[in-house]
Amino acid sequence: MNQEQPSKHVQDTIKELNAQEAATHPQTSSPNAHSKAVASQKEPVGVQGIESSPLGSRTEQRGEITIGEALEATALTAGHRPVDYSDAAAIQAAEVRATGRTNIVPGGVAAAAQSAATRNARLRSDEEKTKLGEILLGASSKLPSDKAVTRRDAEGVIGAELRNDPNLCTRPGGVAASIAAAARLNQSNASNNNQNKTNK
């Protein structure tokens, strides 16, 4: 697979899910309203409404979505956005979970995101800022190790993005939304596979 070209698996599943997510869950502008919405939800932010997705059966045929693939999906859905501190924190949380290390990999995806967020904070023009797509394209190949996304991974990434956003919000199609959508698909896929085995 070409480092600059995300896998077809990522393009077909996560991009469509994040587009669906963005359409059904617009970003909350009020921190208090967002906090109330998060407190009333049973599922992690960004994964509601995916159960009925027609993509669930396609994922079942391909296997589980990895953290690296979910990061690559973010490059497709929000790649035009400049990297900020909440993105960098979410990417760092994802990398730590993918690699199993307690620190970030020098020269890795999280280090590049942190550097870009710091640089972008100093620049005024969005055209000059480093975009998410520049950091996350080929993320699977940039991670020293990768693993399937779990619900726990999604919760950690969502928490990191929320803590580092000035409005305490996650963004539709952003890092947390992509990881959460992948976790939900993986969980649904595992449940379906277990149910199919017991029905045989």
N, C-alpha and C. Protein backbone atom coordinates (compact mmCIF):
# COMPACT_ATOMS: atom_id res chain seq x y z
N MET A 1 0.84 -1.18 0.00
CA MET A 1 0.00 0.00 0.00
C MET A 1 0.88 1.24 0.00
N ASN A 2 0.57 2.19 -0.81
CA ASN A 2 1.28 3.45 -0.90
C ASN A 2 1.04 4.26 0.37
N GLN A 3 2.09 4.81 0.96
CA GLN A 3 1.96 5.59 2.19
C GLN A 3 1.04 6.79 2.02
N GLU A 4 1.02 7.37 0.87
CA GLU A 4 0.22 8.56 0.64
C GLU A 4 -1.23 8.22 0.32
N GLN A 5 -1.56 6.97 0.07
CA GLN A 5 -2.91 6.58 -0.32
C GLN A 5 -3.53 5.69 0.75
N PRO A 6 -4.57 6.17 1.47
CA PRO A 6 -5.21 5.33 2.48
C PRO A 6 -5.81 4.09 1.84
N SER A 7 -5.91 3.02 2.63
CA SER A 7 -6.43 1.77 2.11
C SER A 7 -7.88 1.90 1.68
N LYS A 8 -8.31 1.07 0.76
CA LYS A 8 -9.69 1.05 0.27
C LYS A 8 -10.63 0.75 1.43
N HIS A 9 -10.19 -0.11 2.34
CA HIS A 9 -10.98 -0.45 3.54
C HIS A 9 -11.33 0.82 4.30
N VAL A 10 -10.37 1.68 4.52
CA VAL A 10 -10.59 2.92 5.25
C VAL A 10 -11.52 3.83 4.46
N GLN A 11 -11.28 3.96 3.19
CA GLN A 11 -12.10 4.85 2.37
C GLN A 11 -13.56 4.42 2.36
N ASP A 12 -13.80 3.11 2.22
CA ASP A 12 -15.17 2.62 2.10
C ASP A 12 -15.95 2.64 3.40
N THR A 13 -15.31 2.39 4.52
CA THR A 13 -16.06 2.28 5.76
C THR A 13 -16.06 3.55 6.58
N ILE A 14 -14.93 3.98 7.04
CA ILE A 14 -14.87 5.08 7.99
C ILE A 14 -15.32 6.40 7.38
N LYS A 15 -14.94 6.70 6.16
CA LYS A 15 -15.32 7.98 5.56
C LYS A 15 -16.83 8.12 5.51
N GLU A 16 -17.52 7.08 5.08
CA GLU A 16 -18.97 7.13 5.01
C GLU A 16 -19.59 7.24 6.39
N LEU A 17 -19.02 6.54 7.36
CA LEU A 17 -19.55 6.62 8.73
C LEU A 17 -19.38 8.01 9.30
N ASN A 18 -18.24 8.62 9.10
CA ASN A 18 -18.02 9.95 9.63
C ASN A 18 -18.90 10.98 8.93
N ALA A 19 -19.16 10.80 7.65
CA ALA A 19 -20.08 11.70 6.95
C ALA A 19 -21.48 11.55 7.53
N GLN A 20 -21.88 10.32 7.79
CA GLN A 20 -23.18 10.06 8.40
C GLN A 20 -23.22 10.67 9.80
N GLU A 21 -22.14 10.51 10.55
CA GLU A 21 -22.05 11.05 11.90
C GLU A 21 -22.15 12.57 11.89
N ALA A 22 -21.46 13.22 10.98
CA ALA A 22 -21.49 14.68 10.89
C ALA A 22 -22.89 15.17 10.56
N ALA A 23 -23.61 14.44 9.72
CA ALA A 23 -24.96 14.84 9.33
C ALA A 23 -25.96 14.66 10.46
N THR A 24 -25.77 13.64 11.28
CA THR A 24 -26.74 13.36 12.33
C THR A 24 -26.40 13.98 13.67
N HIS A 25 -25.15 14.42 13.88
CA HIS A 25 -24.73 14.98 15.16
C HIS A 25 -23.91 16.24 14.95
N PRO A 26 -24.57 17.40 14.71
CA PRO A 26 -23.80 18.63 14.51
C PRO A 26 -23.05 19.01 15.77
N GLN A 27 -21.94 19.73 15.59
CA GLN A 27 -21.09 20.13 16.71
C GLN A 27 -21.85 21.05 17.64
N THR A 28 -21.72 20.80 18.92
CA THR A 28 -22.36 21.62 19.93
C THR A 28 -21.52 22.87 20.15
N SER A 29 -22.16 24.02 20.14
CA SER A 29 -21.39 25.25 20.33
C SER A 29 -21.32 25.67 21.79
N SER A 30 -22.24 25.23 22.62
CA SER A 30 -22.24 25.60 24.03
C SER A 30 -21.60 24.52 24.87
N PRO A 31 -20.57 24.85 25.68
CA PRO A 31 -19.94 23.84 26.53
C PRO A 31 -20.92 23.20 27.50
N ASN A 32 -21.85 23.98 28.08
CA ASN A 32 -22.81 23.41 29.02
C ASN A 32 -23.76 22.45 28.33
N ALA A 33 -24.23 22.82 27.15
CA ALA A 33 -25.13 21.92 26.41
C ALA A 33 -24.40 20.65 26.03
N HIS A 34 -23.13 20.80 25.64
CA HIS A 34 -22.35 19.62 25.27
C HIS A 34 -22.15 18.70 26.47
N SER A 35 -21.84 19.27 27.63
CA SER A 35 -21.63 18.46 28.83
C SER A 35 -22.88 17.70 29.20
N LYS A 36 -24.04 18.37 29.09
CA LYS A 36 -25.31 17.70 29.39
C LYS A 36 -25.57 16.57 28.39
N ALA A 37 -25.27 16.81 27.12
CA ALA A 37 -25.48 15.79 26.10
C ALA A 37 -24.57 14.59 26.34
N VAL A 38 -23.32 14.85 26.68
CA VAL A 38 -22.39 13.76 26.95
C VAL A 38 -22.82 12.97 28.17
N ALA A 39 -23.27 13.67 29.22
CA ALA A 39 -23.68 12.99 30.45
C ALA A 39 -24.90 12.11 30.23
N SER A 40 -25.76 12.46 29.28
CA SER A 40 -26.98 11.68 29.06
C SER A 40 -26.79 10.54 28.08
N GLN A 41 -25.62 10.41 27.48
CA GLN A 41 -25.40 9.38 26.47
C GLN A 41 -24.88 8.10 27.10
N LYS A 42 -25.36 6.97 26.57
CA LYS A 42 -24.88 5.67 27.02
C LYS A 42 -23.67 5.23 26.20
N GLU A 43 -23.57 5.68 24.98
CA GLU A 43 -22.47 5.33 24.08
C GLU A 43 -21.46 6.46 24.07
N PRO A 44 -20.19 6.18 23.72
CA PRO A 44 -19.22 7.26 23.58
C PRO A 44 -19.65 8.25 22.51
N VAL A 45 -19.20 9.50 22.66
CA VAL A 45 -19.52 10.54 21.70
C VAL A 45 -19.09 10.10 20.31
N GLY A 46 -19.95 10.30 19.32
CA GLY A 46 -19.57 10.03 17.94
C GLY A 46 -19.93 8.65 17.42
N VAL A 47 -20.63 7.82 18.21
CA VAL A 47 -20.92 6.49 17.71
C VAL A 47 -22.41 6.16 17.69
N GLN A 48 -23.27 7.09 18.10
CA GLN A 48 -24.68 6.81 18.08
C GLN A 48 -25.18 6.69 16.65
N GLY A 49 -26.16 5.83 16.45
CA GLY A 49 -26.78 5.71 15.15
C GLY A 49 -26.02 4.85 14.16
N ILE A 50 -24.92 4.26 14.54
CA ILE A 50 -24.13 3.47 13.60
C ILE A 50 -24.67 2.05 13.48
N GLU A 51 -25.43 1.59 14.49
CA GLU A 51 -25.94 0.23 14.47
C GLU A 51 -26.69 -0.08 13.18
N SER A 52 -27.43 0.91 12.68
CA SER A 52 -28.24 0.67 11.50
C SER A 52 -27.47 0.89 10.20
N SER A 53 -26.19 1.16 10.29
CA SER A 53 -25.39 1.45 9.11
C SER A 53 -25.27 0.24 8.20
N PRO A 54 -25.43 0.44 6.90
CA PRO A 54 -25.25 -0.66 5.96
C PRO A 54 -23.79 -1.09 5.84
N LEU A 55 -22.89 -0.32 6.43
CA LEU A 55 -21.47 -0.64 6.34
C LEU A 55 -21.06 -1.75 7.30
N GLY A 56 -21.90 -2.04 8.28
CA GLY A 56 -21.57 -3.08 9.24
C GLY A 56 -21.29 -4.42 8.58
N SER A 57 -22.08 -4.78 7.57
CA SER A 57 -21.88 -6.07 6.90
C SER A 57 -20.60 -6.06 6.08
N ARG A 58 -20.22 -4.89 5.52
CA ARG A 58 -18.96 -4.82 4.76
C ARG A 58 -17.77 -5.00 5.68
N THR A 59 -17.83 -4.41 6.87
CA THR A 59 -16.74 -4.55 7.83
C THR A 59 -16.61 -5.99 8.27
N GLU A 60 -17.73 -6.68 8.42
CA GLU A 60 -17.72 -8.08 8.84
C GLU A 60 -16.91 -8.94 7.88
N GLN A 61 -16.97 -8.60 6.60
CA GLN A 61 -16.25 -9.39 5.61
C GLN A 61 -14.75 -9.08 5.60
N ARG A 62 -14.34 -7.94 6.10
CA ARG A 62 -12.95 -7.51 5.99
C ARG A 62 -12.13 -7.67 7.26
N GLY A 63 -12.74 -7.83 8.38
CA GLY A 63 -12.00 -7.88 9.63
C GLY A 63 -12.13 -6.59 10.38
N GLU A 64 -11.39 -6.50 11.48
CA GLU A 64 -11.50 -5.34 12.35
C GLU A 64 -10.71 -4.13 11.84
N ILE A 65 -11.21 -2.96 12.18
CA ILE A 65 -10.57 -1.71 11.81
C ILE A 65 -9.52 -1.39 12.86
N THR A 66 -8.34 -1.05 12.42
CA THR A 66 -7.25 -0.73 13.35
C THR A 66 -7.23 0.76 13.69
N ILE A 67 -6.48 1.09 14.71
CA ILE A 67 -6.32 2.48 15.10
C ILE A 67 -5.68 3.28 13.96
N GLY A 68 -4.68 2.72 13.33
CA GLY A 68 -4.04 3.40 12.20
C GLY A 68 -5.00 3.67 11.06
N GLU A 69 -5.86 2.71 10.75
CA GLU A 69 -6.85 2.91 9.69
C GLU A 69 -7.86 3.99 10.07
N ALA A 70 -8.26 4.01 11.32
CA ALA A 70 -9.20 5.05 11.77
C ALA A 70 -8.55 6.43 11.70
N LEU A 71 -7.26 6.52 12.02
CA LEU A 71 -6.56 7.80 11.88
C LEU A 71 -6.49 8.23 10.41
N GLU A 72 -6.25 7.27 9.54
CA GLU A 72 -6.23 7.57 8.10
C GLU A 72 -7.60 8.06 7.63
N ALA A 73 -8.66 7.51 8.21
CA ALA A 73 -10.01 7.95 7.85
C ALA A 73 -10.21 9.42 8.22
N THR A 74 -9.62 9.84 9.32
CA THR A 74 -9.71 11.24 9.72
C THR A 74 -9.06 12.13 8.67
N ALA A 75 -7.99 11.65 8.05
CA ALA A 75 -7.34 12.41 6.98
C ALA A 75 -8.31 12.63 5.82
N LEU A 76 -9.20 11.67 5.61
CA LEU A 76 -10.17 11.80 4.52
C LEU A 76 -11.34 12.69 4.89
N THR A 77 -11.79 12.62 6.14
CA THR A 77 -12.99 13.35 6.52
C THR A 77 -12.72 14.75 7.04
N ALA A 78 -11.57 14.97 7.66
CA ALA A 78 -11.26 16.27 8.24
C ALA A 78 -9.86 16.73 7.87
N GLY A 79 -9.31 16.17 6.81
CA GLY A 79 -7.94 16.47 6.42
C GLY A 79 -7.67 17.90 6.05
N HIS A 80 -8.70 18.65 5.70
CA HIS A 80 -8.55 20.05 5.31
C HIS A 80 -8.40 20.99 6.51
N ARG A 81 -8.71 20.50 7.70
CA ARG A 81 -8.66 21.32 8.91
C ARG A 81 -7.24 21.46 9.44
N PRO A 82 -6.86 22.65 9.91
CA PRO A 82 -5.54 22.80 10.54
C PRO A 82 -5.48 21.99 11.84
N VAL A 83 -4.33 21.45 12.14
CA VAL A 83 -4.12 20.68 13.38
C VAL A 83 -4.12 21.64 14.55
N ASP A 84 -4.89 21.32 15.60
CA ASP A 84 -4.86 22.11 16.83
C ASP A 84 -4.48 21.21 18.00
N TYR A 85 -4.44 21.78 19.20
CA TYR A 85 -3.99 21.02 20.36
C TYR A 85 -4.91 19.85 20.70
N SER A 86 -6.21 20.00 20.48
CA SER A 86 -7.12 18.89 20.78
C SER A 86 -6.89 17.73 19.80
N ASP A 87 -6.61 18.05 18.55
CA ASP A 87 -6.29 17.00 17.57
C ASP A 87 -5.01 16.28 17.98
N ALA A 88 -3.99 17.07 18.35
CA ALA A 88 -2.70 16.49 18.73
C ALA A 88 -2.85 15.58 19.94
N ALA A 89 -3.66 15.99 20.91
CA ALA A 89 -3.87 15.17 22.11
C ALA A 89 -4.61 13.87 21.76
N ALA A 90 -5.60 13.96 20.89
CA ALA A 90 -6.34 12.76 20.48
C ALA A 90 -5.44 11.81 19.68
N ILE A 91 -4.62 12.35 18.82
CA ILE A 91 -3.69 11.52 18.03
C ILE A 91 -2.67 10.87 18.96
N GLN A 92 -2.19 11.61 19.94
CA GLN A 92 -1.25 11.03 20.90
C GLN A 92 -1.90 9.90 21.68
N ALA A 93 -3.13 10.10 22.13
CA ALA A 93 -3.84 9.05 22.86
C ALA A 93 -4.03 7.81 21.99
N ALA A 94 -4.34 8.03 20.72
CA ALA A 94 -4.52 6.90 19.79
C ALA A 94 -3.20 6.17 19.58
N GLU A 95 -2.10 6.91 19.38
CA GLU A 95 -0.81 6.27 19.16
C GLU A 95 -0.37 5.46 20.37
N VAL A 96 -0.55 6.01 21.56
CA VAL A 96 -0.18 5.30 22.79
C VAL A 96 -0.96 3.99 22.90
N ARG A 97 -2.23 4.02 22.56
CA ARG A 97 -3.05 2.81 22.61
C ARG A 97 -2.66 1.80 21.52
N ALA A 98 -2.30 2.30 20.37
CA ALA A 98 -1.92 1.41 19.27
C ALA A 98 -0.59 0.71 19.55
N THR A 99 0.35 1.44 20.13
CA THR A 99 1.70 0.89 20.33
C THR A 99 1.86 0.19 21.67
N GLY A 100 1.01 0.54 22.63
CA GLY A 100 1.16 -0.03 23.97
C GLY A 100 2.25 0.63 24.77
N ARG A 101 2.85 1.67 24.24
CA ARG A 101 3.90 2.42 24.95
C ARG A 101 3.28 3.51 25.79
N THR A 102 3.99 3.94 26.81
CA THR A 102 3.47 5.02 27.65
C THR A 102 3.91 6.39 27.18
N ASN A 103 4.80 6.43 26.21
CA ASN A 103 5.25 7.72 25.67
C ASN A 103 5.09 7.69 24.15
N ILE A 104 5.19 8.89 23.55
CA ILE A 104 5.03 8.96 22.10
C ILE A 104 6.32 8.54 21.40
N VAL A 105 6.17 8.11 20.16
CA VAL A 105 7.29 7.66 19.36
C VAL A 105 7.98 8.87 18.74
N PRO A 106 9.27 9.07 18.99
CA PRO A 106 9.96 10.19 18.34
C PRO A 106 9.84 10.09 16.82
N GLY A 107 9.41 11.16 16.20
CA GLY A 107 9.24 11.17 14.75
C GLY A 107 7.97 10.49 14.28
N GLY A 108 7.13 10.07 15.21
CA GLY A 108 5.88 9.38 14.86
C GLY A 108 4.74 10.34 14.58
N VAL A 109 3.55 9.77 14.44
CA VAL A 109 2.36 10.54 14.11
C VAL A 109 2.04 11.55 15.22
N ALA A 110 2.09 11.13 16.47
CA ALA A 110 1.76 12.03 17.58
C ALA A 110 2.77 13.16 17.70
N ALA A 111 4.04 12.85 17.53
CA ALA A 111 5.07 13.90 17.60
C ALA A 111 4.88 14.92 16.48
N ALA A 112 4.55 14.45 15.29
CA ALA A 112 4.31 15.35 14.17
C ALA A 112 3.07 16.21 14.42
N ALA A 113 2.03 15.62 15.01
CA ALA A 113 0.81 16.37 15.31
C ALA A 113 1.07 17.44 16.37
N GLN A 114 1.83 17.10 17.39
CA GLN A 114 2.14 18.08 18.44
C GLN A 114 2.96 19.23 17.87
N SER A 115 3.93 18.91 17.05
CA SER A 115 4.75 19.94 16.41
C SER A 115 3.89 20.84 15.52
N ALA A 116 2.99 20.23 14.76
CA ALA A 116 2.12 21.00 13.87
C ALA A 116 1.18 21.90 14.66
N ALA A 117 0.62 21.39 15.76
CA ALA A 117 -0.29 22.19 16.58
C ALA A 117 0.44 23.40 17.18
N THR A 118 1.65 23.19 17.63
CA THR A 118 2.44 24.29 18.20
C THR A 118 2.75 25.33 17.13
N ARG A 119 3.15 24.86 15.96
CA ARG A 119 3.45 25.77 14.84
C ARG A 119 2.19 26.51 14.40
N ASN A 120 1.08 25.77 14.27
CA ASN A 120 -0.17 26.39 13.81
C ASN A 120 -0.67 27.46 14.76
N ALA A 121 -0.43 27.29 16.06
CA ALA A 121 -0.89 28.27 17.05
C ALA A 121 -0.20 29.62 16.84
N ARG A 122 0.95 29.62 16.22
CA ARG A 122 1.71 30.86 15.99
C ARG A 122 1.35 31.54 14.68
N LEU A 123 0.70 30.81 13.79
CA LEU A 123 0.39 31.35 12.46
C LEU A 123 -1.02 31.93 12.43
N ARG A 124 -1.20 32.96 11.64
CA ARG A 124 -2.52 33.59 11.52
C ARG A 124 -3.30 33.04 10.33
N SER A 125 -2.65 32.79 9.24
CA SER A 125 -3.32 32.37 8.02
C SER A 125 -3.51 30.85 7.99
N ASP A 126 -4.76 30.42 7.77
CA ASP A 126 -5.05 28.99 7.68
C ASP A 126 -4.33 28.32 6.52
N GLU A 127 -4.06 29.07 5.47
CA GLU A 127 -3.37 28.50 4.31
C GLU A 127 -1.95 28.04 4.66
N GLU A 128 -1.32 28.71 5.61
CA GLU A 128 0.05 28.38 6.01
C GLU A 128 0.11 27.25 7.04
N LYS A 129 -1.01 26.95 7.66
CA LYS A 129 -1.03 25.96 8.75
C LYS A 129 -0.97 24.53 8.22
N THR A 130 -0.39 23.65 9.02
CA THR A 130 -0.32 22.23 8.69
C THR A 130 -1.70 21.61 8.91
N LYS A 131 -2.16 20.84 7.94
CA LYS A 131 -3.49 20.25 7.99
C LYS A 131 -3.44 18.82 8.54
N LEU A 132 -4.58 18.36 9.06
CA LEU A 132 -4.68 16.99 9.59
C LEU A 132 -4.31 15.96 8.53
N GLY A 133 -4.73 16.19 7.30
CA GLY A 133 -4.43 15.25 6.23
C GLY A 133 -2.94 15.04 6.02
N GLU A 134 -2.16 16.10 6.17
CA GLU A 134 -0.71 16.00 6.01
C GLU A 134 -0.09 15.12 7.09
N ILE A 135 -0.66 15.15 8.28
CA ILE A 135 -0.13 14.38 9.40
C ILE A 135 -0.61 12.93 9.37
N LEU A 136 -1.89 12.72 9.00
CA LEU A 136 -2.50 11.40 9.17
C LEU A 136 -2.51 10.49 7.94
N LEU A 137 -2.19 11.02 6.77
CA LEU A 137 -2.11 10.13 5.60
C LEU A 137 -1.02 9.09 5.82
N GLY A 138 -1.35 7.84 5.64
CA GLY A 138 -0.38 6.77 5.84
C GLY A 138 -0.09 6.47 7.29
N ALA A 139 -1.00 6.84 8.20
CA ALA A 139 -0.77 6.66 9.64
C ALA A 139 -0.51 5.19 10.00
N SER A 140 -1.18 4.27 9.34
CA SER A 140 -0.97 2.84 9.64
C SER A 140 0.48 2.43 9.44
N SER A 141 1.08 2.93 8.40
CA SER A 141 2.46 2.55 8.13
C SER A 141 3.46 3.33 8.99
N LYS A 142 3.03 4.44 9.57
CA LYS A 142 3.91 5.24 10.42
C LYS A 142 3.94 4.74 11.86
N LEU A 143 2.95 3.97 12.26
CA LEU A 143 2.92 3.44 13.62
C LEU A 143 3.81 2.21 13.71
N PRO A 144 4.65 2.11 14.73
CA PRO A 144 5.51 0.93 14.86
C PRO A 144 4.72 -0.35 15.11
N SER A 145 3.54 -0.22 15.71
CA SER A 145 2.63 -1.35 15.87
C SER A 145 1.21 -0.79 15.86
N ASP A 146 0.25 -1.67 15.61
CA ASP A 146 -1.14 -1.25 15.47
C ASP A 146 -2.02 -2.34 16.03
N LYS A 147 -3.25 -2.00 16.36
CA LYS A 147 -4.19 -2.99 16.87
C LYS A 147 -5.60 -2.56 16.53
N ALA A 148 -6.52 -3.50 16.64
CA ALA A 148 -7.92 -3.20 16.38
C ALA A 148 -8.43 -2.23 17.44
N VAL A 149 -9.29 -1.32 17.02
CA VAL A 149 -9.85 -0.32 17.92
C VAL A 149 -10.88 -0.97 18.84
N THR A 150 -10.80 -0.67 20.13
CA THR A 150 -11.77 -1.16 21.10
C THR A 150 -12.54 0.03 21.67
N ARG A 151 -13.58 -0.28 22.39
CA ARG A 151 -14.37 0.76 23.04
C ARG A 151 -13.52 1.55 24.03
N ARG A 152 -12.66 0.87 24.74
CA ARG A 152 -11.76 1.55 25.69
C ARG A 152 -10.82 2.53 24.99
N ASP A 153 -10.32 2.12 23.83
CA ASP A 153 -9.47 3.02 23.05
C ASP A 153 -10.25 4.27 22.68
N ALA A 154 -11.48 4.07 22.21
CA ALA A 154 -12.32 5.21 21.81
C ALA A 154 -12.58 6.15 22.98
N GLU A 155 -12.87 5.59 24.14
CA GLU A 155 -13.13 6.42 25.32
C GLU A 155 -11.90 7.25 25.68
N GLY A 156 -10.72 6.66 25.60
CA GLY A 156 -9.49 7.39 25.90
C GLY A 156 -9.22 8.51 24.92
N VAL A 157 -9.44 8.24 23.64
CA VAL A 157 -9.20 9.26 22.61
C VAL A 157 -10.24 10.38 22.71
N ILE A 158 -11.48 10.02 22.96
CA ILE A 158 -12.53 11.03 23.13
C ILE A 158 -12.19 11.93 24.32
N GLY A 159 -11.79 11.32 25.43
CA GLY A 159 -11.43 12.09 26.61
C GLY A 159 -10.28 13.05 26.34
N ALA A 160 -9.28 12.60 25.61
CA ALA A 160 -8.13 13.45 25.30
C ALA A 160 -8.55 14.63 24.43
N GLU A 161 -9.40 14.38 23.44
CA GLU A 161 -9.85 15.46 22.56
C GLU A 161 -10.71 16.47 23.34
N LEU A 162 -11.61 15.96 24.19
CA LEU A 162 -12.47 16.84 24.99
C LEU A 162 -11.66 17.71 25.95
N ARG A 163 -10.71 17.11 26.66
CA ARG A 163 -9.92 17.85 27.65
C ARG A 163 -9.09 18.96 27.03
N ASN A 164 -8.73 18.82 25.78
CA ASN A 164 -7.85 19.79 25.14
C ASN A 164 -8.55 20.73 24.18
N ASP A 165 -9.88 20.67 24.13
CA ASP A 165 -10.65 21.58 23.29
C ASP A 165 -11.19 22.71 24.16
N PRO A 166 -11.03 23.97 23.76
CA PRO A 166 -11.49 25.09 24.59
C PRO A 166 -13.00 25.07 24.85
N ASN A 167 -13.77 24.47 23.94
CA ASN A 167 -15.22 24.40 24.09
C ASN A 167 -15.69 23.05 24.64
N LEU A 168 -14.75 22.19 25.02
CA LEU A 168 -15.06 20.85 25.52
C LEU A 168 -15.94 20.07 24.55
N CYS A 169 -15.58 20.14 23.27
CA CYS A 169 -16.34 19.46 22.22
C CYS A 169 -15.43 18.55 21.40
N THR A 170 -16.03 17.50 20.86
CA THR A 170 -15.35 16.74 19.82
C THR A 170 -15.91 17.23 18.49
N ARG A 171 -15.17 17.00 17.43
CA ARG A 171 -15.61 17.48 16.12
C ARG A 171 -16.16 16.33 15.28
N PRO A 172 -17.29 16.55 14.61
CA PRO A 172 -17.77 15.52 13.68
C PRO A 172 -16.72 15.25 12.62
N GLY A 173 -16.43 13.99 12.40
CA GLY A 173 -15.43 13.62 11.41
C GLY A 173 -14.00 13.73 11.89
N GLY A 174 -13.80 14.17 13.12
CA GLY A 174 -12.47 14.35 13.67
C GLY A 174 -11.86 13.05 14.17
N VAL A 175 -10.75 13.18 14.87
CA VAL A 175 -10.00 12.01 15.35
C VAL A 175 -10.88 11.16 16.27
N ALA A 176 -11.48 11.78 17.28
CA ALA A 176 -12.29 11.03 18.23
C ALA A 176 -13.49 10.36 17.55
N ALA A 177 -14.14 11.07 16.64
CA ALA A 177 -15.29 10.51 15.94
C ALA A 177 -14.90 9.30 15.09
N SER A 178 -13.75 9.37 14.44
CA SER A 178 -13.29 8.25 13.61
C SER A 178 -12.94 7.03 14.46
N ILE A 179 -12.25 7.26 15.56
CA ILE A 179 -11.89 6.16 16.45
C ILE A 179 -13.15 5.54 17.06
N ALA A 180 -14.10 6.39 17.48
CA ALA A 180 -15.34 5.90 18.07
C ALA A 180 -16.16 5.10 17.06
N ALA A 181 -16.24 5.58 15.83
CA ALA A 181 -16.98 4.86 14.80
C ALA A 181 -16.34 3.50 14.52
N ALA A 182 -15.03 3.47 14.47
CA ALA A 182 -14.32 2.20 14.23
C ALA A 182 -14.54 1.23 15.39
N ALA A 183 -14.50 1.74 16.62
CA ALA A 183 -14.72 0.88 17.79
C ALA A 183 -16.12 0.29 17.77
N ARG A 184 -17.09 1.12 17.42
CA ARG A 184 -18.48 0.65 17.37
C ARG A 184 -18.65 -0.42 16.30
N LEU A 185 -18.05 -0.20 15.15
CA LEU A 185 -18.13 -1.21 14.08
C LEU A 185 -17.44 -2.51 14.51
N ASN A 186 -16.28 -2.40 15.14
CA ASN A 186 -15.58 -3.60 15.59
C ASN A 186 -16.40 -4.35 16.64
N GLN A 187 -17.01 -3.61 17.56
CA GLN A 187 -17.82 -4.24 18.60
C GLN A 187 -19.05 -4.90 17.98
N SER A 188 -19.69 -4.24 17.07
CA SER A 188 -20.86 -4.79 16.39
C SER A 188 -20.48 -6.04 15.60
N ASN A 189 -19.34 -5.97 14.93
CA ASN A 189 -18.86 -7.09 14.13
C ASN A 189 -18.57 -8.30 15.02
N ALA A 190 -17.94 -8.07 16.17
CA ALA A 190 -17.63 -9.16 17.09
C ALA A 190 -18.91 -9.78 17.65
N SER A 191 -19.89 -8.94 17.96
CA SER A 191 -21.17 -9.45 18.47
C SER A 191 -21.87 -10.29 17.42
N ASN A 192 -21.87 -9.80 16.18
CA ASN A 192 -22.51 -10.56 15.09
C ASN A 192 -21.82 -11.89 14.86
N ASN A 193 -20.48 -11.88 14.90
CA ASN A 193 -19.73 -13.14 14.70
C ASN A 193 -20.02 -14.12 15.82
N ASN A 194 -20.08 -13.65 17.06
CA ASN A 194 -20.39 -14.54 18.19
C ASN A 194 -21.81 -15.09 18.08
N GLN A 195 -22.73 -14.27 17.65
CA GLN A 195 -24.11 -14.70 17.51
C GLN A 195 -24.22 -15.74 16.39
N ASN A 196 -23.50 -15.54 15.30
CA ASN A 196 -23.52 -16.49 14.19
C ASN A 196 -22.95 -17.85 14.62
N LYS A 197 -21.90 -17.84 15.47
CA LYS A 197 -21.31 -19.07 15.94
C LYS A 197 -22.26 -19.85 16.84
N THR A 198 -23.01 -19.13 17.67
CA THR A 198 -23.94 -19.81 18.58
C THR A 198 -25.18 -20.31 17.86
N ASN A 199 -25.52 -19.72 16.72
CA ASN A 199 -26.68 -20.16 15.95
C ASN A 199 -26.42 -21.38 15.09
N LYS A 200 -25.15 -21.73 14.92
CA LYS A 200 -24.80 -22.86 14.05
C LYS A 200 -24.98 -24.17 14.76
